[in-house]
Amino acid sequence: MNKIYGLILVFVVMLAVIGIVYADSTQDPGSQQDPIVTKSYVDSKYDDLKSYIDSKASTSSSNYDIVELKPGESITLYQGSEAIVRTDNTSTIVTSTDGVSDLTGGKDLKNNALIPANHLLLFPRSDGRGIKAKADTIIVVMGKYTKN
């Protein structure tokens, strides 16, 4: 029985020695490995990050343009552009096998498809896709486009 207590005592002493050695090898607060950070440092980094985010947000094109088309005129929209046709009597211009995404109607509009009024359209590529007016038309555009 004394041998068991002796082994337990040796084991506990070994654990204590390992704990002391490990605790001594940790980094000191304020050292290069474990720096102490002040409130002013955190505030300055926060301000830097906020300025960076604000600058990126202000450079993004989130403004809408109002485009007016006469009968026979068209606009070509580029990749990622969105359009809302405010009046009827317009159709899509599609130059490839894919169409224009009608996000409101949940369908793909093929070439010369009639665009319902007030539907949000997404133009996935810069490959000549656009909108052609059959009557006086008002289109709200977000993104890059050219009027033809």
Protein backbone atom coordinates (compact mmCIF):
# COMPACT_ATOMS: atom_id res chain seq x y z
CA MET A 1 0.00 0.00 0.00
CA ASN A 2 2.91 2.32 0.75
CA LYS A 3 4.28 1.63 -2.72
CA ILE A 4 1.02 2.87 -4.29
CA TYR A 5 1.12 6.07 -2.18
CA GLY A 6 4.76 6.51 -3.15
CA LEU A 7 3.95 6.18 -6.86
CA ILE A 8 1.08 8.64 -6.56
CA LEU A 9 3.36 11.08 -4.73
CA VAL A 10 6.05 10.76 -7.43
CA PHE A 11 3.39 11.30 -10.13
CA VAL A 12 2.02 14.42 -8.39
CA VAL A 13 5.54 15.84 -7.96
CA MET A 14 6.25 15.26 -11.67
CA LEU A 15 3.04 17.04 -12.63
CA ALA A 16 3.93 19.97 -10.38
CA VAL A 17 7.41 20.24 -11.90
CA ILE A 18 6.01 20.08 -15.46
CA GLY A 19 3.44 22.76 -14.56
CA ILE A 20 6.12 25.06 -13.15
CA VAL A 21 8.36 24.61 -16.19
CA TYR A 22 5.45 25.21 -18.58
CA ALA A 23 4.23 28.27 -16.69
CA ASP A 24 7.73 29.71 -16.78
CA SER A 25 7.99 29.24 -20.58
CA THR A 26 4.85 31.26 -21.43
CA GLN A 27 5.18 34.74 -22.85
CA ASP A 28 5.30 37.71 -20.56
CA PRO A 29 2.43 40.16 -20.95
CA GLY A 30 3.62 43.08 -23.02
CA SER A 31 6.30 41.09 -24.85
CA GLN A 32 6.51 40.81 -28.64
CA GLN A 33 4.66 37.46 -28.49
CA ASP A 34 1.92 38.74 -26.14
CA PRO A 35 1.59 42.51 -26.58
CA ILE A 36 -0.58 44.69 -24.39
CA VAL A 37 -2.94 46.79 -26.50
CA THR A 38 -4.17 50.21 -25.41
CA LYS A 39 -7.59 51.68 -26.10
CA SER A 40 -6.10 54.42 -28.26
CA TYR A 41 -4.38 51.79 -30.45
CA VAL A 42 -7.64 49.87 -30.92
CA ASP A 43 -9.50 53.12 -31.66
CA SER A 44 -6.95 54.13 -34.30
CA LYS A 45 -7.16 50.71 -35.99
CA TYR A 46 -10.96 50.92 -35.89
CA ASP A 47 -10.87 54.37 -37.51
CA ASP A 48 -8.48 53.10 -40.21
CA LEU A 49 -10.78 50.17 -40.98
CA LYS A 50 -13.87 52.39 -41.03
CA SER A 51 -12.18 54.83 -43.43
CA TYR A 52 -11.18 51.95 -45.71
CA ILE A 53 -14.72 50.55 -45.78
CA ASP A 54 -16.24 53.98 -46.36
CA SER A 55 -13.87 54.64 -49.27
CA LYS A 56 -14.77 51.32 -50.89
CA ALA A 57 -18.49 51.94 -50.40
CA SER A 58 -18.32 55.41 -51.93
CA THR A 59 -16.53 54.16 -55.06
CA SER A 60 -19.12 51.50 -55.81
CA SER A 61 -21.68 52.46 -58.40
CA SER A 62 -24.94 52.29 -56.49
CA ASN A 63 -26.62 55.23 -58.21
CA TYR A 64 -29.50 54.75 -60.58
CA ASP A 65 -29.65 56.47 -63.96
CA ILE A 66 -32.90 57.31 -65.68
CA VAL A 67 -32.67 56.51 -69.39
CA GLU A 68 -35.33 57.66 -71.83
CA LEU A 69 -35.61 55.88 -75.17
CA LYS A 70 -37.58 56.82 -78.27
CA PRO A 71 -39.12 54.13 -80.52
CA GLY A 72 -36.36 52.13 -82.23
CA GLU A 73 -33.60 53.21 -79.79
CA SER A 74 -31.83 50.69 -77.58
CA ILE A 75 -29.33 50.40 -74.76
CA THR A 76 -26.65 47.78 -74.26
CA LEU A 77 -26.00 46.78 -70.67
CA TYR A 78 -22.78 45.32 -69.30
CA GLN A 79 -22.02 42.49 -66.90
CA GLY A 80 -23.72 42.92 -63.53
CA SER A 81 -25.93 45.79 -64.64
CA GLU A 82 -29.57 45.88 -63.59
CA ALA A 83 -32.53 47.58 -65.23
CA ILE A 84 -36.15 48.25 -64.40
CA VAL A 85 -38.30 49.05 -67.42
CA ARG A 86 -40.96 51.47 -66.22
CA THR A 87 -43.18 51.27 -69.30
CA ASP A 88 -44.49 48.52 -71.57
CA ASN A 89 -43.60 48.00 -75.23
CA THR A 90 -39.94 47.04 -74.88
CA SER A 91 -38.13 43.88 -75.82
CA THR A 92 -34.85 42.19 -75.03
CA ILE A 93 -31.79 42.08 -77.22
CA VAL A 94 -29.91 38.82 -76.73
CA THR A 95 -26.95 37.86 -78.90
CA SER A 96 -26.17 34.44 -77.41
CA THR A 97 -28.06 31.33 -76.41
CA ASP A 98 -28.62 32.59 -72.87
CA GLY A 99 -31.14 35.28 -72.11
CA VAL A 100 -31.66 38.14 -69.71
CA SER A 101 -32.63 37.22 -66.14
CA ASP A 102 -36.06 38.55 -65.19
CA LEU A 103 -35.61 38.53 -61.42
CA THR A 104 -39.17 39.67 -60.73
CA GLY A 105 -40.81 37.08 -62.96
CA GLY A 106 -38.32 34.36 -62.14
CA LYS A 107 -37.60 33.46 -65.75
CA ASP A 108 -35.08 33.86 -68.53
CA LEU A 109 -36.09 36.26 -71.31
CA LYS A 110 -34.85 35.21 -74.75
CA ASN A 111 -34.24 37.45 -77.78
CA ASN A 112 -37.14 39.80 -78.68
CA ALA A 113 -39.12 38.77 -75.58
CA LEU A 114 -41.51 41.43 -74.32
CA ILE A 115 -40.39 42.90 -70.99
CA PRO A 116 -43.18 43.38 -68.46
CA ALA A 117 -43.35 46.84 -66.87
CA ASN A 118 -41.61 47.29 -63.51
CA HIS A 119 -39.68 44.00 -63.66
CA LEU A 120 -36.07 43.92 -62.43
CA LEU A 121 -33.69 42.55 -65.06
CA LEU A 122 -30.11 41.34 -64.53
CA PHE A 123 -27.57 41.30 -67.35
CA PRO A 124 -25.03 38.56 -66.60
CA ARG A 125 -22.42 39.27 -69.29
CA SER A 126 -21.04 42.04 -71.47
CA ASP A 127 -21.93 40.37 -74.76
CA GLY A 128 -24.34 42.80 -76.41
CA ARG A 129 -27.47 42.08 -74.40
CA GLY A 130 -29.78 45.01 -74.00
CA ILE A 131 -33.22 46.55 -74.27
CA LYS A 132 -34.95 47.89 -77.40
CA ALA A 133 -37.83 50.37 -77.20
CA LYS A 134 -40.91 49.92 -79.37
CA ALA A 135 -42.47 53.12 -77.94
CA ASP A 136 -41.36 55.96 -75.67
CA THR A 137 -39.72 54.15 -72.77
CA ILE A 138 -38.26 55.02 -69.38
CA ILE A 139 -35.68 52.65 -67.90
CA VAL A 140 -34.02 52.84 -64.49
CA VAL A 141 -30.46 51.48 -64.83
CA MET A 142 -27.90 50.60 -62.19
CA GLY A 143 -24.51 49.80 -63.62
CA LYS A 144 -22.67 50.39 -66.86
CA TYR A 145 -24.55 50.80 -70.13
CA THR A 146 -24.33 52.48 -73.53
CA LYS A 147 -27.23 54.10 -75.34
CA ASN A 148 -27.50 53.17 -79.05
